[in-house]
Amino acid sequence: MSYSEHNLSKDKSLTRMQIWLDACPERENARVQKLKLKEATHQLLASPDGSQHSLQLRQQVWLHHIELAKGEQVNLQLHGPRAYLQSIHGTVHALAHDAEKQALTCGDGAFIRDEANITLVADTPLRALLIDLPV
């Protein structure tokens, strides 16, 4: 097995992100897991139980990849009272009850709390991560 942080492709750009989570020592999962990003509006990347063919985490966290065209939207059910939204590329705003519309642009992040679900609307073509933190 090898590991590289260099983009080996001459044709495709690479955006690399690292997310650090404390692992639960009582949980087990495969040491090496692979996942291919789909051409989809929403894909569950990682979850505690590996649901929807996602990577299995040793933590109560759900990690979602969102890719939307300008004007598209997606509604996501959250597992608990907290989440974190990170814009990778593009501008997005969230529709939530009683909340003022505020946009996130490329590289921005925002904590979400006390919402059962959230609707994300792309103001420009968008790639984003939503980290669902139920506890």
Protein backbone atom coordinates (compact mmCIF):
# COMPACT_ATOMS: atom_id res chain seq x y z
CA MET A 1 0.00 0.00 0.00
CA SER A 2 1.21 3.49 -0.78
CA TYR A 3 0.02 6.97 0.06
CA SER A 4 0.58 10.23 -1.75
CA GLU A 5 -0.71 13.75 -1.34
CA HIS A 6 0.25 14.67 -4.89
CA ASN A 7 -2.16 14.89 -7.77
CA LEU A 8 -1.11 12.20 -10.24
CA SER A 9 -3.55 13.37 -12.91
CA LYS A 10 -2.43 15.84 -15.54
CA ASP A 11 -6.05 16.40 -16.64
CA LYS A 12 -8.06 16.78 -13.43
CA SER A 13 -7.54 19.25 -10.61
CA LEU A 14 -7.37 17.99 -7.05
CA THR A 15 -8.88 19.46 -3.90
CA ARG A 16 -7.59 17.67 -0.81
CA MET A 17 -9.21 18.00 2.60
CA GLN A 18 -8.35 16.33 5.87
CA ILE A 19 -10.98 15.74 8.53
CA TRP A 20 -9.84 14.52 11.93
CA LEU A 21 -12.28 12.67 14.18
CA ASP A 22 -11.64 10.95 17.49
CA ALA A 23 -12.20 7.22 17.02
CA CYS A 24 -14.28 5.25 19.49
CA PRO A 25 -12.01 2.45 20.85
CA GLU A 26 -14.99 0.07 21.31
CA ARG A 27 -15.92 0.15 17.62
CA GLU A 28 -14.15 -1.69 14.82
CA ASN A 29 -14.00 -1.22 11.08
CA ALA A 30 -11.79 -2.24 8.18
CA ARG A 31 -8.34 -0.65 8.29
CA VAL A 32 -8.43 0.21 4.59
CA GLN A 33 -11.60 1.40 2.89
CA LYS A 34 -12.16 2.90 -0.57
CA LEU A 35 -14.97 4.93 -2.00
CA LYS A 36 -15.49 6.41 -5.43
CA LEU A 37 -17.39 9.68 -5.71
CA LYS A 38 -20.56 9.30 -7.76
CA GLU A 39 -21.99 11.79 -10.22
CA ALA A 40 -24.84 12.61 -7.84
CA THR A 41 -26.42 15.56 -6.06
CA HIS A 42 -25.88 13.88 -2.71
CA GLN A 43 -23.68 10.99 -1.57
CA LEU A 44 -23.18 9.67 1.94
CA LEU A 45 -19.38 9.33 2.19
CA ALA A 46 -19.05 7.91 5.71
CA SER A 47 -21.30 6.76 8.55
CA PRO A 48 -21.12 4.76 11.78
CA ASP A 49 -22.54 1.62 10.15
CA GLY A 50 -21.38 1.92 6.53
CA SER A 51 -24.94 2.47 5.31
CA GLN A 52 -25.62 3.31 1.65
CA HIS A 53 -22.22 1.80 0.72
CA SER A 54 -20.41 4.54 2.67
CA LEU A 55 -17.13 4.20 4.52
CA GLN A 56 -17.59 2.96 8.08
CA LEU A 57 -16.42 5.30 10.84
CA ARG A 58 -15.59 4.49 14.44
CA GLN A 59 -17.64 7.52 15.48
CA GLN A 60 -21.28 8.70 15.50
CA VAL A 61 -20.80 11.01 12.52
CA TRP A 62 -22.34 11.10 9.04
CA LEU A 63 -20.29 12.78 6.30
CA HIS A 64 -22.17 13.92 3.17
CA HIS A 65 -20.83 15.12 -0.18
CA ILE A 66 -23.08 17.58 -2.00
CA GLU A 67 -22.69 18.63 -5.64
CA LEU A 68 -25.30 20.99 -7.07
CA ALA A 69 -25.72 23.03 -10.22
CA LYS A 70 -26.69 26.68 -9.86
CA GLY A 71 -30.26 26.90 -8.56
CA GLU A 72 -30.49 23.23 -7.52
CA GLN A 73 -31.32 22.30 -3.96
CA VAL A 74 -31.16 19.27 -1.69
CA ASN A 75 -32.93 18.57 1.60
CA LEU A 76 -31.06 16.51 4.19
CA GLN A 77 -32.42 14.94 7.36
CA LEU A 78 -30.01 15.43 10.27
CA HIS A 79 -29.38 12.80 12.95
CA GLY A 80 -29.12 15.22 15.83
CA PRO A 81 -28.90 18.83 16.93
CA ARG A 82 -25.52 19.74 15.41
CA ALA A 83 -23.91 19.77 11.97
CA TYR A 84 -21.15 21.59 10.12
CA LEU A 85 -21.40 22.78 6.50
CA GLN A 86 -18.19 23.39 4.52
CA SER A 87 -18.22 24.93 1.04
CA ILE A 88 -15.45 23.41 -1.08
CA HIS A 89 -16.25 25.28 -4.31
CA GLY A 90 -19.12 27.64 -5.00
CA THR A 91 -21.71 29.58 -3.06
CA VAL A 92 -24.59 28.08 -1.07
CA HIS A 93 -27.28 29.24 1.30
CA ALA A 94 -29.33 27.16 3.71
CA LEU A 95 -33.07 27.33 4.19
CA ALA A 96 -34.02 26.66 7.79
CA HIS A 97 -36.98 27.71 9.90
CA ASP A 98 -36.76 31.21 11.38
CA ALA A 99 -33.24 31.77 10.06
CA GLU A 100 -31.94 34.65 8.03
CA LYS A 101 -30.54 33.72 4.62
CA GLN A 102 -26.74 33.87 4.70
CA ALA A 103 -24.49 32.61 1.93
CA LEU A 104 -21.30 30.61 2.29
CA THR A 105 -18.69 30.99 -0.44
CA CYS A 106 -15.70 28.86 -1.41
CA GLY A 107 -13.80 27.83 1.72
CA ASP A 108 -16.43 29.10 4.18
CA GLY A 109 -17.89 26.90 6.89
CA ALA A 110 -20.81 27.25 9.29
CA PHE A 111 -22.14 25.37 12.29
CA ILE A 112 -25.79 24.36 12.20
CA ARG A 113 -27.68 23.66 15.39
CA ASP A 114 -31.15 22.74 16.54
CA GLU A 115 -32.39 21.77 13.05
CA ALA A 116 -34.02 18.42 12.21
CA ASN A 117 -33.36 18.90 8.50
CA ILE A 118 -31.79 21.47 6.25
CA THR A 119 -32.29 22.52 2.64
CA LEU A 120 -29.19 23.68 0.79
CA VAL A 121 -29.58 25.87 -2.30
CA ALA A 122 -26.70 26.46 -4.73
CA ASP A 123 -26.26 30.11 -5.72
CA THR A 124 -23.43 29.01 -8.07
CA PRO A 125 -22.23 25.53 -9.04
CA LEU A 126 -21.40 23.93 -5.68
CA ARG A 127 -19.37 21.20 -4.02
CA ALA A 128 -19.73 21.01 -0.26
CA LEU A 129 -19.44 18.71 2.75
CA LEU A 130 -22.03 18.38 5.48
CA ILE A 131 -20.81 16.77 8.67
CA ASP A 132 -23.74 15.55 10.77
CA LEU A 133 -22.78 15.48 14.47
CA PRO A 134 -25.68 14.05 16.46
CA VAL A 135 -24.14 14.20 19.93
